[in-house]
Amino acid sequence: MVAAIKNKGSRRSGSKPSSKPKKKHEPEKITLLSAEESFRIAWKEAQRGETKPIAQLWDESS
């Protein structure tokens, strides 16, 4: 399914931790895909039959 959020700042396994001291609470930085790019990806998934019944989507959201 569509992964419309790209995680920024995540470390690869095996990488060294940052030498900068962490702030007490630093919000996670994310970048959303543009609406056009998100639609393009979802449209291709739908054309390939990668869909879920609406009832299943409701079950996953709770």
PDB file of N, CA and C in Angstrom:
ATOM      1  N   MET A   1       0.827  -1.185   0.000  1.00  0.00           N
ATOM      2  CA  MET A   1       0.000   0.000   0.000  1.00  0.00           C
ATOM      3  C   MET A   1       0.874   1.253   0.000  1.00  0.00           C
ATOM      4  N   VAL A   2       0.262   2.388  -0.129  1.00  0.00           N
ATOM      5  CA  VAL A   2       0.984   3.651  -0.264  1.00  0.00           C
ATOM      6  C   VAL A   2       1.739   3.995   1.015  1.00  0.00           C
ATOM      7  N   ALA A   3       2.994   4.295   0.853  1.00  0.00           N
ATOM      8  CA  ALA A   3       3.780   4.812   1.967  1.00  0.00           C
ATOM      9  C   ALA A   3       3.986   6.289   1.676  1.00  0.00           C
ATOM     10  N   ALA A   4       3.088   7.124   2.148  1.00  0.00           N
ATOM     11  CA  ALA A   4       3.086   8.532   1.777  1.00  0.00           C
ATOM     12  C   ALA A   4       3.939   9.386   2.694  1.00  0.00           C
ATOM     13  N   ILE A   5       4.600   8.786   3.638  1.00  0.00           N
ATOM     14  CA  ILE A   5       5.439   9.550   4.540  1.00  0.00           C
ATOM     15  C   ILE A   5       6.860   9.016   4.457  1.00  0.00           C
ATOM     16  N   LYS A   6       7.791   9.910   4.253  1.00  0.00           N
ATOM     17  CA  LYS A   6       9.195   9.527   4.249  1.00  0.00           C
ATOM     18  C   LYS A   6       9.804   9.963   5.570  1.00  0.00           C
ATOM     19  N   ASN A   7      10.406   9.039   6.282  1.00  0.00           N
ATOM     20  CA  ASN A   7      11.003   9.344   7.570  1.00  0.00           C
ATOM     21  C   ASN A   7      12.357  10.008   7.351  1.00  0.00           C
ATOM     22  N   LYS A   8      12.551  11.152   7.941  1.00  0.00           N
ATOM     23  CA  LYS A   8      13.822  11.866   7.848  1.00  0.00           C
ATOM     24  C   LYS A   8      14.586  11.695   9.142  1.00  0.00           C
ATOM     25  N   GLY A   9      15.856  11.508   9.040  1.00  0.00           N
ATOM     26  CA  GLY A   9      16.695  11.454  10.222  1.00  0.00           C
ATOM     27  C   GLY A   9      16.827  10.074  10.823  1.00  0.00           C
ATOM     28  N   SER A  10      16.248   9.062  10.218  1.00  0.00           N
ATOM     29  CA  SER A  10      16.413   7.732  10.782  1.00  0.00           C
ATOM     30  C   SER A  10      17.805   7.224  10.435  1.00  0.00           C
ATOM     31  N   ARG A  11      18.367   6.475  11.376  1.00  0.00           N
ATOM     32  CA  ARG A  11      19.718   5.979  11.174  1.00  0.00           C
ATOM     33  C   ARG A  11      19.690   4.574  10.593  1.00  0.00           C
ATOM     34  N   ARG A  12      20.667   4.257   9.783  1.00  0.00           N
ATOM     35  CA  ARG A  12      20.824   2.900   9.297  1.00  0.00           C
ATOM     36  C   ARG A  12      21.460   2.074  10.402  1.00  0.00           C
ATOM     37  N   SER A  13      21.180   0.791  10.389  1.00  0.00           N
ATOM     38  CA  SER A  13      21.785  -0.051  11.407  1.00  0.00           C
ATOM     39  C   SER A  13      23.294  -0.053  11.229  1.00  0.00           C
ATOM     40  N   GLY A  14      23.992  -0.017  12.336  1.00  0.00           N
ATOM     41  CA  GLY A  14      25.445  -0.015  12.296  1.00  0.00           C
ATOM     42  C   GLY A  14      26.050   1.373  12.236  1.00  0.00           C
ATOM     43  N   SER A  15      25.248   2.400  12.087  1.00  0.00           N
ATOM     44  CA  SER A  15      25.806   3.745  12.044  1.00  0.00           C
ATOM     45  C   SER A  15      26.049   4.249  13.456  1.00  0.00           C
ATOM     46  N   LYS A  16      26.991   5.145  13.579  1.00  0.00           N
ATOM     47  CA  LYS A  16      27.344   5.687  14.881  1.00  0.00           C
ATOM     48  C   LYS A  16      26.310   6.710  15.320  1.00  0.00           C
ATOM     49  N   PRO A  17      26.014   6.752  16.619  1.00  0.00           N
ATOM     50  CA  PRO A  17      25.082   7.772  17.101  1.00  0.00           C
ATOM     51  C   PRO A  17      25.667   9.169  16.942  1.00  0.00           C
ATOM     52  N   SER A  18      24.798  10.134  16.832  1.00  0.00           N
ATOM     53  CA  SER A  18      25.219  11.515  16.670  1.00  0.00           C
ATOM     54  C   SER A  18      25.976  11.983  17.900  1.00  0.00           C
ATOM     55  N   SER A  19      27.001  12.794  17.688  1.00  0.00           N
ATOM     56  CA  SER A  19      27.769  13.313  18.814  1.00  0.00           C
ATOM     57  C   SER A  19      27.093  14.539  19.423  1.00  0.00           C
ATOM     58  N   LYS A  20      26.058  15.058  18.756  1.00  0.00           N
ATOM     59  CA  LYS A  20      25.337  16.212  19.279  1.00  0.00           C
ATOM     60  C   LYS A  20      24.476  15.779  20.466  1.00  0.00           C
ATOM     61  N   PRO A  21      24.459  16.568  21.530  1.00  0.00           N
ATOM     62  CA  PRO A  21      23.566  16.208  22.640  1.00  0.00           C
ATOM     63  C   PRO A  21      22.118  16.382  22.217  1.00  0.00           C
ATOM     64  N   LYS A  22      21.275  15.427  22.609  1.00  0.00           N
ATOM     65  CA  LYS A  22      19.860  15.493  22.254  1.00  0.00           C
ATOM     66  C   LYS A  22      19.126  16.456  23.157  1.00  0.00           C
ATOM     67  N   LYS A  23      18.169  17.158  22.570  1.00  0.00           N
ATOM     68  CA  LYS A  23      17.305  18.024  23.358  1.00  0.00           C
ATOM     69  C   LYS A  23      16.336  17.129  24.124  1.00  0.00           C
ATOM     70  N   LYS A  24      15.704  17.701  25.156  1.00  0.00           N
ATOM     71  CA  LYS A  24      14.792  16.904  25.970  1.00  0.00           C
ATOM     72  C   LYS A  24      13.696  16.262  25.130  1.00  0.00           C
ATOM     73  N   HIS A  25      13.046  17.029  24.277  1.00  0.00           N
ATOM     74  CA  HIS A  25      12.010  16.466  23.416  1.00  0.00           C
ATOM     75  C   HIS A  25      12.150  17.081  22.043  1.00  0.00           C
ATOM     76  N   GLU A  26      12.650  16.293  21.114  1.00  0.00           N
ATOM     77  CA  GLU A  26      12.844  16.757  19.751  1.00  0.00           C
ATOM     78  C   GLU A  26      11.816  16.055  18.867  1.00  0.00           C
ATOM     79  N   PRO A  27      10.874  16.800  18.262  1.00  0.00           N
ATOM     80  CA  PRO A  27       9.861  16.155  17.436  1.00  0.00           C
ATOM     81  C   PRO A  27      10.480  15.470  16.222  1.00  0.00           C
ATOM     82  N   GLU A  28       9.882  14.353  15.823  1.00  0.00           N
ATOM     83  CA  GLU A  28      10.356  13.624  14.661  1.00  0.00           C
ATOM     84  C   GLU A  28      10.060  14.437  13.404  1.00  0.00           C
ATOM     85  N   LYS A  29      11.030  14.527  12.511  1.00  0.00           N
ATOM     86  CA  LYS A  29      10.840  15.288  11.280  1.00  0.00           C
ATOM     87  C   LYS A  29      10.401  14.334  10.181  1.00  0.00           C
ATOM     88  N   ILE A  30       9.290  14.673   9.525  1.00  0.00           N
ATOM     89  CA  ILE A  30       8.787  13.874   8.416  1.00  0.00           C
ATOM     90  C   ILE A  30       8.489  14.787   7.239  1.00  0.00           C
ATOM     91  N   THR A  31       8.573  14.224   6.056  1.00  0.00           N
ATOM     92  CA  THR A  31       8.237  14.953   4.843  1.00  0.00           C
ATOM     93  C   THR A  31       7.156  14.171   4.114  1.00  0.00           C
ATOM     94  N   LEU A  32       6.051  14.822   3.810  1.00  0.00           N
ATOM     95  CA  LEU A  32       4.974  14.170   3.077  1.00  0.00           C
ATOM     96  C   LEU A  32       5.227  14.268   1.585  1.00  0.00           C
ATOM     97  N   LEU A  33       4.803  13.237   0.864  1.00  0.00           N
ATOM     98  CA  LEU A  33       4.871  13.304  -0.592  1.00  0.00           C
ATOM     99  C   LEU A  33       3.846  14.316  -1.074  1.00  0.00           C
ATOM    100  N   SER A  34       4.067  14.852  -2.244  1.00  0.00           N
ATOM    101  CA  SER A  34       3.079  15.772  -2.803  1.00  0.00           C
ATOM    102  C   SER A  34       1.798  14.989  -3.104  1.00  0.00           C
ATOM    103  N   ALA A  35       0.688  15.700  -3.190  1.00  0.00           N
ATOM    104  CA  ALA A  35      -0.589  15.053  -3.509  1.00  0.00           C
ATOM    105  C   ALA A  35      -0.496  14.347  -4.853  1.00  0.00           C
ATOM    106  N   GLU A  36       0.175  14.978  -5.803  1.00  0.00           N
ATOM    107  CA  GLU A  36       0.315  14.383  -7.135  1.00  0.00           C
ATOM    108  C   GLU A  36       1.093  13.065  -7.070  1.00  0.00           C
ATOM    109  N   GLU A  37       2.207  13.047  -6.355  1.00  0.00           N
ATOM    110  CA  GLU A  37       3.019  11.835  -6.249  1.00  0.00           C
ATOM    111  C   GLU A  37       2.281  10.740  -5.480  1.00  0.00           C
ATOM    112  N   SER A  38       1.603  11.117  -4.411  1.00  0.00           N
ATOM    113  CA  SER A  38       0.833  10.151  -3.632  1.00  0.00           C
ATOM    114  C   SER A  38      -0.273   9.526  -4.487  1.00  0.00           C
ATOM    115  N   PHE A  39      -0.980  10.341  -5.264  1.00  0.00           N
ATOM    116  CA  PHE A  39      -2.028   9.826  -6.146  1.00  0.00           C
ATOM    117  C   PHE A  39      -1.438   8.907  -7.205  1.00  0.00           C
ATOM    118  N   ARG A  40      -0.313   9.296  -7.792  1.00  0.00           N
ATOM    119  CA  ARG A  40       0.323   8.484  -8.836  1.00  0.00           C
ATOM    120  C   ARG A  40       0.655   7.089  -8.299  1.00  0.00           C
ATOM    121  N   ILE A  41       1.210   7.018  -7.104  1.00  0.00           N
ATOM    122  CA  ILE A  41       1.565   5.736  -6.493  1.00  0.00           C
ATOM    123  C   ILE A  41       0.303   4.920  -6.216  1.00  0.00           C
ATOM    124  N   ALA A  42      -0.704   5.550  -5.619  1.00  0.00           N
ATOM    125  CA  ALA A  42      -1.946   4.847  -5.294  1.00  0.00           C
ATOM    126  C   ALA A  42      -2.653   4.359  -6.557  1.00  0.00           C
ATOM    127  N   TRP A  43      -2.630   5.160  -7.618  1.00  0.00           N
ATOM    128  CA  TRP A  43      -3.277   4.771  -8.867  1.00  0.00           C
ATOM    129  C   TRP A  43      -2.621   3.524  -9.446  1.00  0.00           C
ATOM    130  N   LYS A  44      -1.292   3.476  -9.430  1.00  0.00           N
ATOM    131  CA  LYS A  44      -0.578   2.301  -9.939  1.00  0.00           C
ATOM    132  C   LYS A  44      -0.894   1.074  -9.101  1.00  0.00           C
ATOM    133  N   GLU A  45      -0.979   1.233  -7.775  1.00  0.00           N
ATOM    134  CA  GLU A  45      -1.330   0.115  -6.903  1.00  0.00           C
ATOM    135  C   GLU A  45      -2.731  -0.396  -7.227  1.00  0.00           C
ATOM    136  N   ALA A  46      -3.669   0.507  -7.449  1.00  0.00           N
ATOM    137  CA  ALA A  46      -5.044   0.116  -7.780  1.00  0.00           C
ATOM    138  C   ALA A  46      -5.094  -0.619  -9.116  1.00  0.00           C
ATOM    139  N   GLN A  47      -4.330  -0.164 -10.087  1.00  0.00           N
ATOM    140  CA  GLN A  47      -4.300  -0.822 -11.396  1.00  0.00           C
ATOM    141  C   GLN A  47      -3.722  -2.232 -11.299  1.00  0.00           C
ATOM    142  N   ARG A  48      -2.813  -2.447 -10.359  1.00  0.00           N
ATOM    143  CA  ARG A  48      -2.225  -3.783 -10.161  1.00  0.00           C
ATOM    144  C   ARG A  48      -3.112  -4.668  -9.281  1.00  0.00           C
ATOM    145  N   GLY A  49      -4.213  -4.113  -8.787  1.00  0.00           N
ATOM    146  CA  GLY A  49      -5.112  -4.886  -7.945  1.00  0.00           C
ATOM    147  C   GLY A  49      -4.705  -4.933  -6.485  1.00  0.00           C
ATOM    148  N   GLU A  50      -3.800  -4.069  -6.092  1.00  0.00           N
ATOM    149  CA  GLU A  50      -3.348  -4.016  -4.704  1.00  0.00           C
ATOM    150  C   GLU A  50      -4.329  -3.166  -3.892  1.00  0.00           C
ATOM    151  N   THR A  51      -5.486  -3.750  -3.614  1.00  0.00           N
ATOM    152  CA  THR A  51      -6.537  -3.045  -2.895  1.00  0.00           C
ATOM    153  C   THR A  51      -6.960  -3.848  -1.671  1.00  0.00           C
ATOM    154  N   LYS A  52      -7.676  -3.188  -0.761  1.00  0.00           N
ATOM    155  CA  LYS A  52      -8.224  -3.839   0.422  1.00  0.00           C
ATOM    156  C   LYS A  52      -9.697  -3.485   0.529  1.00  0.00           C
ATOM    157  N   PRO A  53     -10.506  -4.414   1.029  1.00  0.00           N
ATOM    158  CA  PRO A  53     -11.923  -4.096   1.252  1.00  0.00           C
ATOM    159  C   PRO A  53     -12.042  -2.984   2.299  1.00  0.00           C
ATOM    160  N   ILE A  54     -13.034  -2.120   2.140  1.00  0.00           N
ATOM    161  CA  ILE A  54     -13.216  -1.001   3.054  1.00  0.00           C
ATOM    162  C   ILE A  54     -13.386  -1.473   4.491  1.00  0.00           C
ATOM    163  N   ALA A  55     -14.055  -2.602   4.704  1.00  0.00           N
ATOM    164  CA  ALA A  55     -14.243  -3.120   6.060  1.00  0.00           C
ATOM    165  C   ALA A  55     -12.901  -3.433   6.719  1.00  0.00           C
ATOM    166  N   GLN A  56     -11.953  -3.938   5.935  1.00  0.00           N
ATOM    167  CA  GLN A  56     -10.622  -4.237   6.473  1.00  0.00           C
ATOM    168  C   GLN A  56      -9.880  -2.943   6.819  1.00  0.00           C
ATOM    169  N   LEU A  57     -10.052  -1.912   6.024  1.00  0.00           N
ATOM    170  CA  LEU A  57      -9.400  -0.638   6.321  1.00  0.00           C
ATOM    171  C   LEU A  57      -9.923  -0.063   7.633  1.00  0.00           C
ATOM    172  N   TRP A  58     -11.235  -0.174   7.871  1.00  0.00           N
ATOM    173  CA  TRP A  58     -11.806   0.316   9.116  1.00  0.00           C
ATOM    174  C   TRP A  58     -11.266  -0.465  10.307  1.00  0.00           C
ATOM    175  N   ASP A  59     -11.107  -1.797  10.139  1.00  0.00           N
ATOM    176  CA  ASP A  59     -10.570  -2.633  11.228  1.00  0.00           C
ATOM    177  C   ASP A  59      -9.150  -2.238  11.572  1.00  0.00           C
ATOM    178  N   GLU A  60      -8.332  -1.895  10.585  1.00  0.00           N
ATOM    179  CA  GLU A  60      -6.929  -1.533  10.805  1.00  0.00           C
ATOM    180  C   GLU A  60      -6.777  -0.180  11.472  1.00  0.00           C
ATOM    181  N   SER A  61      -7.742   0.708  11.315  1.00  0.00           N
ATOM    182  CA  SER A  61      -7.605   2.058  11.861  1.00  0.00           C
ATOM    183  C   SER A  61      -7.902   2.126  13.359  1.00  0.00           C
ATOM    184  N   SER A  62      -8.532   1.115  13.918  1.00  0.00           N
ATOM    185  CA  SER A  62      -8.858   1.177  15.348  1.00  0.00           C
ATOM    186  C   SER A  62      -7.829   0.490  16.200  1.00  0.00           C
TER     187      SER A  62
END
